[in-house]
Protein backbone atom coordinates (compact mmCIF):
# COMPACT_ATOMS: atom_id res chain seq x y z
CA MET A 1 409.79 110.42 66.07
CA PRO A 2 406.12 110.72 67.21
CA ASN A 3 407.37 113.38 69.68
CA ALA A 4 408.30 115.54 66.68
CA ILE A 5 404.59 115.97 65.95
CA ARG A 6 402.78 118.10 68.52
CA SER A 7 399.50 116.21 68.40
CA ALA A 8 398.59 112.73 67.26
CA PRO A 9 397.16 112.66 63.72
CA ASP A 10 393.50 111.71 63.49
CA GLU A 11 392.33 108.45 62.00
CA ASP A 12 391.62 110.04 58.59
CA ILE A 13 395.35 110.61 58.10
CA PHE A 14 396.22 107.04 59.05
CA ILE A 15 393.52 105.70 56.72
CA THR A 16 394.81 107.92 53.90
CA ILE A 17 398.28 106.42 54.40
CA VAL A 18 396.76 102.92 54.24
CA CYS A 19 395.03 103.82 50.97
CA GLY A 20 398.24 105.30 49.56
CA LEU A 21 400.27 102.23 50.45
CA GLY A 22 397.54 100.10 48.91
CA TRP A 23 397.74 102.04 45.64
CA ALA A 24 401.52 101.49 45.72
CA HIS A 25 400.98 97.74 46.38
CA MET A 26 403.08 98.00 49.56
CA VAL A 27 400.78 95.65 51.44
CA LYS A 28 403.27 94.39 54.02
CA ARG A 29 403.89 97.94 55.19
CA VAL A 30 400.16 98.41 55.56
CA ILE A 31 400.12 95.83 58.35
CA LYS A 32 402.91 97.63 60.21
CA LEU A 33 400.87 100.80 60.31
CA LEU A 34 399.17 99.62 63.50
CA ASN A 35 402.53 99.80 65.28
CA LEU A 36 402.76 103.44 64.26
CA VAL A 37 399.28 104.15 65.63
CA THR A 38 400.18 102.69 69.03
CA GLN A 39 403.42 104.70 69.12
CA PHE A 40 401.25 107.80 69.31
CA GLY A 41 399.57 106.35 72.38
CA LYS A 42 396.37 105.63 70.48
CA LYS A 43 394.43 102.41 70.28
CA PRO A 44 393.54 101.62 66.65
CA SER A 45 389.86 102.23 66.05
CA LEU A 46 387.69 99.64 64.30
CA ARG A 47 387.66 101.96 61.28
CA ILE A 48 391.49 101.85 61.11
CA PHE A 49 391.46 98.07 61.62
CA ASN A 50 388.93 97.67 58.80
CA SER A 51 390.94 99.83 56.41
CA VAL A 52 393.83 97.35 56.49
CA PRO A 53 392.02 94.18 55.29
CA ASP A 54 390.12 96.37 52.83
CA VAL A 55 393.50 96.86 51.12
CA LEU A 56 394.86 93.37 51.76
CA VAL A 57 391.94 91.42 50.27
CA LYS A 58 392.63 93.00 46.88
CA GLU A 59 396.22 91.75 46.93
CA ASP A 60 396.42 88.62 49.09
CA ILE A 61 393.37 87.08 50.75
CA ASP A 62 395.56 84.75 52.84
CA LEU A 63 397.46 87.72 54.24
CA ALA A 64 394.17 89.45 55.00
CA GLN A 65 392.88 86.43 56.90
CA GLU A 66 396.15 86.16 58.80
CA PHE A 67 395.84 89.83 59.78
CA TYR A 68 392.34 89.23 61.07
CA TRP A 69 393.30 86.30 63.27
CA LYS A 70 396.70 87.54 64.49
CA LYS A 71 396.06 91.26 64.77
CA MET A 72 392.37 91.96 65.12
CA MET A 73 391.27 88.92 67.12
CA TRP A 74 394.44 89.08 69.26
CA SER A 75 393.53 92.69 70.08
CA GLY A 76 390.04 91.61 71.07
CA VAL A 77 388.44 93.05 67.93
CA GLU A 78 386.05 90.60 66.28
CA GLY A 79 384.82 93.14 63.77
CA ASP A 80 381.38 94.11 62.60
CA GLU A 81 379.26 93.46 59.52
CA TYR A 82 381.47 95.87 57.57
CA THR A 83 384.52 93.74 58.48
CA PHE A 84 382.81 90.59 57.25
CA GLY A 85 381.68 92.44 54.15
CA ILE A 86 385.32 93.21 53.35
CA PHE A 87 386.29 89.55 53.68
CA MET A 88 383.29 88.43 51.64
CA LYS A 89 384.47 90.80 48.91
CA GLY A 90 387.97 89.32 49.07
CA LEU A 91 386.77 85.71 48.98
CA CYS A 92 384.50 86.42 46.04
CA LEU A 93 387.24 88.29 44.15
CA THR A 94 389.33 85.11 44.33
CA ASN A 95 386.28 82.93 43.54
CA TRP A 96 386.50 81.16 46.90
CA ILE A 97 382.74 80.80 46.84
CA GLY A 98 382.66 77.82 49.20
CA ASP A 99 384.51 79.87 51.81
CA GLY A 100 382.04 82.67 51.20
CA PHE A 101 379.19 80.39 52.30
CA LYS A 102 381.26 79.35 55.35
CA LEU A 103 381.67 83.03 56.21
CA LEU A 104 377.89 83.43 56.14
CA GLN A 105 377.59 80.61 58.67
CA VAL A 106 380.27 82.17 60.90
CA MET A 107 378.33 85.44 60.91
CA LYS A 108 375.09 83.70 61.80
CA SER A 109 376.82 81.72 64.58
CA ARG A 110 377.95 85.05 66.07
CA GLU A 111 374.44 86.44 65.73
CA ILE A 112 375.57 88.94 63.10
CA VAL A 113 372.85 89.20 60.48
CA PRO A 114 374.40 89.36 56.97
CA ASN A 115 373.21 92.54 55.32
CA THR A 116 372.01 92.88 51.76
CA VAL A 117 375.42 94.05 50.52
CA ILE A 118 377.12 90.89 51.81
CA TYR A 119 374.49 88.66 50.21
CA ASN A 120 374.75 90.57 46.94
CA THR A 121 378.53 90.18 46.89
CA LEU A 122 378.24 86.40 47.13
CA LEU A 123 375.31 86.33 44.73
CA HIS A 124 377.30 88.32 42.17
CA ALA A 125 380.20 85.85 42.43
CA LEU A 126 377.82 82.94 41.85
CA CYS A 127 376.35 84.63 38.78
CA ARG A 128 379.80 85.50 37.47
CA ASN A 129 380.76 81.84 37.69
CA GLY A 130 377.63 80.61 35.95
CA LYS A 131 375.93 79.26 39.08
CA VAL A 132 372.71 81.15 38.52
CA GLY A 133 370.43 78.53 40.04
CA ARG A 134 372.36 78.60 43.29
CA ALA A 135 372.29 82.40 43.21
CA ARG A 136 368.50 82.30 42.81
CA SER A 137 368.28 80.04 45.88
CA LEU A 138 370.49 82.44 47.83
CA MET A 139 368.13 85.29 46.99
CA ASN A 140 365.34 83.35 48.67
CA GLU A 141 367.33 83.53 51.95
CA MET A 142 367.54 87.30 51.81
CA GLU A 143 365.20 89.32 53.96
CA GLU A 144 365.55 92.43 51.83
CA PRO A 145 366.68 91.81 48.24
CA ASN A 146 367.18 95.10 46.44
CA ASP A 147 367.65 96.42 42.94
CA VAL A 148 371.27 95.20 42.89
CA THR A 149 370.05 91.66 43.63
CA PHE A 150 367.69 91.73 40.67
CA ASN A 151 370.25 93.40 38.40
CA ASN A 152 372.71 90.58 39.05
CA LEU A 153 370.23 87.77 38.49
CA ILE A 154 368.49 89.27 35.47
CA SER A 155 371.85 89.99 33.81
CA ALA A 156 373.01 86.44 34.53
CA TYR A 157 369.88 84.93 32.99
CA CYS A 158 370.33 87.19 29.96
CA LYS A 159 373.92 85.97 29.61
CA GLU A 160 372.59 82.41 29.55
CA GLU A 161 369.91 83.59 27.09
CA ASN A 162 367.30 82.28 29.50
CA LEU A 163 364.79 84.90 28.48
CA VAL A 164 361.86 83.31 30.33
CA GLN A 165 363.51 83.56 33.76
CA ALA A 166 364.93 86.99 32.97
CA LEU A 167 361.44 88.32 32.21
CA VAL A 168 359.96 86.59 35.29
CA LEU A 169 362.48 88.32 37.54
CA LEU A 170 362.06 91.60 35.68
CA GLU A 171 358.34 91.52 36.39
CA LYS A 172 358.98 90.65 40.04
CA CYS A 173 361.46 93.50 40.20
CA PHE A 174 358.84 95.96 38.93
CA ASN A 175 356.20 94.58 41.31
CA LEU A 176 358.47 95.15 44.32
CA GLY A 177 359.00 98.75 43.29
CA PHE A 178 362.56 98.35 42.00
CA VAL A 179 363.77 99.59 38.64
CA PRO A 180 366.64 97.76 36.90
CA ASP A 181 369.62 99.89 36.03
CA VAL A 182 370.27 100.86 32.42
CA VAL A 183 372.87 98.10 31.93
CA THR A 184 370.48 95.36 33.02
CA GLY A 185 367.58 96.84 31.09
CA THR A 186 369.72 97.04 27.96
CA LYS A 187 370.69 93.37 28.29
CA VAL A 188 367.01 92.40 28.37
CA LEU A 189 366.40 94.56 25.30
CA GLU A 190 369.33 92.92 23.54
CA VAL A 191 368.10 89.37 24.19
CA LEU A 192 364.60 90.28 23.02
CA CYS A 193 365.95 91.95 19.87
CA ASN A 194 368.20 88.96 19.14
CA VAL A 195 365.15 86.69 18.92
CA GLY A 196 363.16 89.19 16.89
CA ARG A 197 360.86 90.38 19.68
CA VAL A 198 361.59 94.05 19.04
CA THR A 199 358.06 95.23 19.83
CA GLU A 200 358.31 93.73 23.33
CA ALA A 201 361.70 95.38 23.71
CA VAL A 202 360.19 98.77 22.92
CA ASP A 203 357.40 98.13 25.45
CA ILE A 204 359.96 97.31 28.15
CA LEU A 205 361.97 100.39 27.24
CA ASN A 206 358.85 102.51 27.71
CA ARG A 207 358.17 100.86 31.09
CA LEU A 208 361.73 101.54 32.22
CA GLU A 209 361.42 105.21 31.27
CA SER A 210 357.99 105.58 32.87
CA LYS A 211 359.39 104.22 36.15
CA GLY A 212 362.25 106.72 36.19
CA SER A 213 365.07 104.70 34.67
CA VAL A 214 367.67 106.76 32.81
CA VAL A 215 367.97 105.21 29.35
CA ASP A 216 371.24 105.93 27.58
CA VAL A 217 372.59 105.73 24.05
CA VAL A 218 373.44 102.03 24.44
CA ALA A 219 369.79 101.13 24.98
CA TYR A 220 368.76 103.06 21.90
CA ASN A 221 371.57 101.50 19.91
CA THR A 222 370.31 98.07 20.98
CA LEU A 223 366.92 98.82 19.48
CA ILE A 224 368.60 100.25 16.41
CA LYS A 225 370.58 97.02 15.96
CA GLY A 226 367.31 95.17 16.36
CA GLY A 227 366.06 96.95 13.27
CA ARG A 228 364.24 99.94 14.71
CA MET A 229 366.32 102.80 13.26
CA GLU A 230 369.42 103.52 11.25
CA ASP A 231 371.31 105.44 13.93
CA GLY A 232 370.96 107.11 17.32
CA PHE A 233 370.44 110.60 15.92
CA LYS A 234 367.65 109.35 13.66
CA ILE A 235 365.70 107.69 16.46
CA LEU A 236 365.69 110.93 18.41
CA GLU A 237 364.56 112.85 15.35
CA ILE A 238 361.62 110.49 14.99
CA MET A 239 360.82 110.83 18.70
CA GLU A 240 360.74 114.59 18.25
CA GLU A 241 358.58 114.43 15.13
CA SER A 242 356.03 112.15 16.74
CA LYS A 243 356.25 113.81 20.17
CA GLU A 244 356.21 110.30 21.65
CA GLY A 245 358.72 109.61 24.41
CA SER A 246 360.24 113.07 24.41
CA ARG A 247 356.90 114.92 24.45
CA GLY A 248 358.80 118.01 23.35
CA CYS A 249 361.13 118.04 26.39
CA LEU A 250 364.88 117.62 26.72
CA SER A 251 364.83 114.54 28.96
CA PRO A 252 365.42 111.77 26.36
CA TYR A 253 368.14 113.80 24.68
CA ASP A 254 369.88 114.52 27.96
CA SER A 255 369.73 110.79 28.76
CA VAL A 256 371.63 109.97 25.58
CA LEU A 257 374.03 112.84 26.26
CA TYR A 258 374.66 111.51 29.77
CA GLY A 259 375.22 108.02 28.38
CA LEU A 260 377.98 109.32 26.11
CA TYR A 261 379.45 111.28 29.03
CA LYS A 262 379.53 108.20 31.29
CA GLU A 263 381.45 106.31 28.62
CA ASN A 264 383.94 109.21 28.55
CA GLN A 265 383.02 109.88 24.91
CA LEU A 266 383.21 113.63 25.44
CA ASP A 267 383.83 114.56 21.80
CA GLU A 268 380.82 112.51 20.70
CA ALA A 269 378.76 114.08 23.48
CA LEU A 270 379.69 117.57 22.28
CA THR A 271 378.74 116.62 18.72
CA PHE A 272 375.42 115.26 19.93
CA LEU A 273 374.78 118.44 21.93
CA THR A 274 375.39 120.49 18.80
CA GLN A 275 372.94 118.28 16.87
CA MET A 276 370.33 118.89 19.57
CA GLY A 277 370.43 122.54 18.54
CA LYS A 278 368.02 121.85 15.68
CA PHE A 279 365.33 120.91 18.22
CA PHE A 280 366.22 123.21 21.13
CA PRO A 281 368.24 126.11 19.69
CA ARG A 282 368.00 128.43 22.68
CA ALA A 283 368.95 125.84 25.32
CA VAL A 284 371.80 124.44 23.25
CA ASP A 285 373.10 127.90 22.34
CA ARG A 286 373.36 128.83 26.02
CA SER A 287 375.04 125.52 26.86
CA LEU A 288 377.63 125.99 24.13
CA ARG A 289 378.15 129.55 25.33
CA ILE A 290 378.89 128.24 28.84
CA LEU A 291 381.38 125.68 27.50
CA SER A 292 383.13 128.34 25.45
CA LEU A 293 383.40 130.78 28.37
CA CYS A 294 384.81 128.06 30.64
CA GLU A 295 387.46 127.17 28.07
CA GLU A 296 388.38 130.87 27.82
CA GLY A 297 388.64 131.13 31.60
CA ALA A 298 385.86 133.74 31.72
CA ILE A 299 384.25 132.22 34.81
CA GLU A 300 382.43 135.38 35.92
CA ASP A 301 380.71 135.61 32.54
CA ALA A 302 379.91 131.89 32.69
CA LYS A 303 378.30 132.40 36.11
CA LYS A 304 376.09 135.16 34.66
CA VAL A 305 374.87 132.91 31.84
CA PHE A 306 374.32 130.15 34.40
CA GLY A 307 372.13 132.49 36.45
CA GLN A 308 370.15 133.45 33.34
CA ILE A 309 369.46 129.79 32.53
CA LEU A 310 368.27 128.98 36.05
CA GLY A 311 366.28 132.21 36.20
CA GLY A 312 364.50 131.25 33.00
CA GLY A 313 363.57 127.82 34.37
CA GLY A 314 366.18 126.01 32.28
CA VAL A 315 367.78 122.72 33.31
CA PRO A 316 371.55 122.44 32.72
CA ASN A 317 372.83 119.31 30.97
CA VAL A 318 375.69 117.10 32.15
CA LEU A 319 378.36 118.77 29.96
CA PHE A 320 377.25 122.15 31.27
CA TYR A 321 377.69 120.99 34.87
CA ASP A 322 380.99 119.22 34.23
CA ARG A 323 382.72 122.14 32.52
CA LEU A 324 381.40 124.69 35.01
CA VAL A 325 382.60 122.64 38.00
CA HIS A 326 386.06 122.48 36.41
CA GLY A 327 385.91 126.21 35.72
CA PHE A 328 384.95 127.08 39.30
CA CYS A 329 387.77 124.88 40.64
CA GLU A 330 390.34 126.49 38.36
CA GLY A 331 389.12 129.93 39.44
CA GLY A 332 389.26 129.05 43.13
CA TYR A 333 385.48 129.21 43.65
CA MET A 334 385.45 126.01 45.71
CA HIS A 335 382.19 126.66 47.56
CA GLU A 336 380.36 127.24 44.27
CA ALA A 337 382.07 124.22 42.69
CA PHE A 338 381.04 121.95 45.58
CA GLU A 339 377.45 123.19 45.58
CA LEU A 340 377.24 122.75 41.81
CA MET A 341 378.61 119.21 42.03
CA ASN A 342 375.99 118.36 44.66
CA GLU A 343 373.29 119.78 42.39
CA MET A 344 374.73 117.74 39.52
CA VAL A 345 374.55 114.51 41.54
CA GLY A 346 371.09 115.46 42.77
CA ARG A 347 369.91 115.49 39.17
CA GLY A 348 371.30 111.98 38.66
CA TYR A 349 374.48 113.03 36.85
CA TYR A 350 377.45 111.31 38.50
CA PRO A 351 380.70 113.10 37.59
CA LEU A 352 383.70 111.35 36.10
CA ALA A 353 386.79 110.85 38.27
CA PRO A 354 388.64 113.87 36.76
CA THR A 355 385.81 116.13 37.95
CA PHE A 356 386.05 114.80 41.52
CA ASN A 357 389.81 115.17 41.30
CA ALA A 358 389.46 118.83 40.31
CA LEU A 359 387.45 119.45 43.49
CA ILE A 360 389.88 117.50 45.66
CA SER A 361 392.86 119.38 44.18
CA GLY A 362 391.09 122.71 44.64
CA PHE A 363 390.39 122.04 48.31
CA CYS A 364 393.97 120.90 48.90
CA ARG A 365 395.38 124.00 47.18
CA GLN A 366 393.41 126.10 49.65
CA GLY A 367 394.61 123.99 52.59
CA LYS A 368 391.15 122.50 53.17
CA VAL A 369 392.37 118.90 53.43
CA SER A 370 389.54 117.89 55.77
CA SER A 371 387.02 119.03 53.14
CA ALA A 372 388.83 116.93 50.53
CA LEU A 373 388.73 113.87 52.80
CA LYS A 374 385.05 114.42 53.53
CA LEU A 375 384.36 114.65 49.79
CA ILE A 376 386.13 111.33 49.18
CA ASP A 377 384.13 109.63 51.95
CA ASP A 378 380.92 111.07 50.50
CA MET A 379 381.75 109.85 47.01
CA VAL A 380 382.61 106.35 48.26
CA VAL A 381 379.23 106.18 50.00
CA ARG A 382 377.57 107.22 46.74
CA VAL A 383 379.57 104.49 44.95
CA CYS A 384 381.24 106.99 42.66
CA LYS A 385 384.41 105.97 40.85
CA LEU A 386 387.69 107.42 42.09
CA ASP A 387 391.20 106.77 40.82
CA ILE A 388 394.79 107.26 41.97
CA GLY A 389 394.56 110.91 40.96
CA SER A 390 391.98 111.36 43.72
CA TYR A 391 394.57 110.62 46.41
CA ASN A 392 397.65 112.32 44.94
CA PRO A 393 396.54 115.86 45.95
CA LEU A 394 395.98 114.63 49.52
CA ILE A 395 399.43 113.07 49.70
CA ASP A 396 400.95 116.28 48.30
CA ALA A 397 399.05 118.29 50.92
CA PHE A 398 400.30 116.09 53.74
CA LEU A 399 403.84 116.35 52.37
CA GLY A 400 403.52 120.12 52.29
CA ARG A 401 402.47 120.16 55.92
CA GLY A 402 405.31 117.82 56.86
CA ILE A 403 402.95 115.33 58.45
CA PHE A 404 403.22 112.61 55.84
CA LYS A 405 407.03 112.73 55.83
CA ARG A 406 407.21 112.54 59.61
CA LEU A 407 404.71 109.70 59.72
CA LEU A 408 406.61 107.70 57.14
CA GLY A 409 409.84 108.38 59.02
CA SER A 410 408.27 106.87 62.08
CA PHE A 411 406.69 104.13 60.00
CA HIS A 412 410.04 102.90 58.63
CA LYS A 413 411.21 102.33 62.20
CA CYS A 414 408.26 100.10 63.07
């Protein structure tokens, strides 16, 4: 059957098949994929080898370990730090924390230095299981703890309501130049508000904002529940009246808008955008105009308004970006859609999975499968959330080209 295909598929196609089989929970067939690779006269690359346990650890850690010893080691492939990171993830998913520490020792014995991601994976598992003290000790072993390290530990101390240690680590985090993410910051605010220390919570909120943290609606709601305001809209009205925090700019409002967007509360986000019109009528009017034009399919008109906003020094909000990316994709303007998505991410707005999927589908419709694969790799590196809908257009594209069907035909004979 491999002879029916003129040239051997590249590793991206094999890895896509592995991902597809993983989504279908066909893990035993994933292992057999290596036989298909060799039938094409190719030696499986380390990237292909790593893609297999990356699927297996989510389903059966024992099967993943068996694959490592019987397939990878037998082939002379010991793996790299990414390989060990995959197995650390699998061990921690199953709460085999003791084996996770053993894996650290194996790495050190092979002179492979565990990277920060591997340490953070184990540290997160310890925190999740209430072993915060041991996690704190593990942090002391790390050469380069990062913001994720502090987020895990601070959140764990907040869960235990150990406010003293949470604040100690928060201060250390700031001193090292890291800024906690909005989830961790909100947990600190919540614990402070729960014990009546609302003024301190407001001070920390201001520090987070001054250091570049994006504060969302949840953080404001936490202060509101602590007795600061009656509702989220009211707190923003007061910020506008006093000119404190917002200083007459859109930033705090866009942060709340982005928070609603991230929670997929799109109707609430649209309502909030409309309410913003009382403070920024011109900016909101143009944004609503863009949304309306996109819904009507008038993409050329939407592009003109977009140019007017940028020409006037305006900054588009997250809903503006999201709808326009969808509109460009539907109209076949894939280059513009991709550039706009990059600009969106560059401003700190990470699109929802349906927006990525619109780009992937658009590329596949135009036969640009390699561009779709590159986009997926880029999004994974940026830790953006994908779903099964991200891979369906790729599978359909491979089916349309006949490659996927031929590969599976060969695969069934393995």
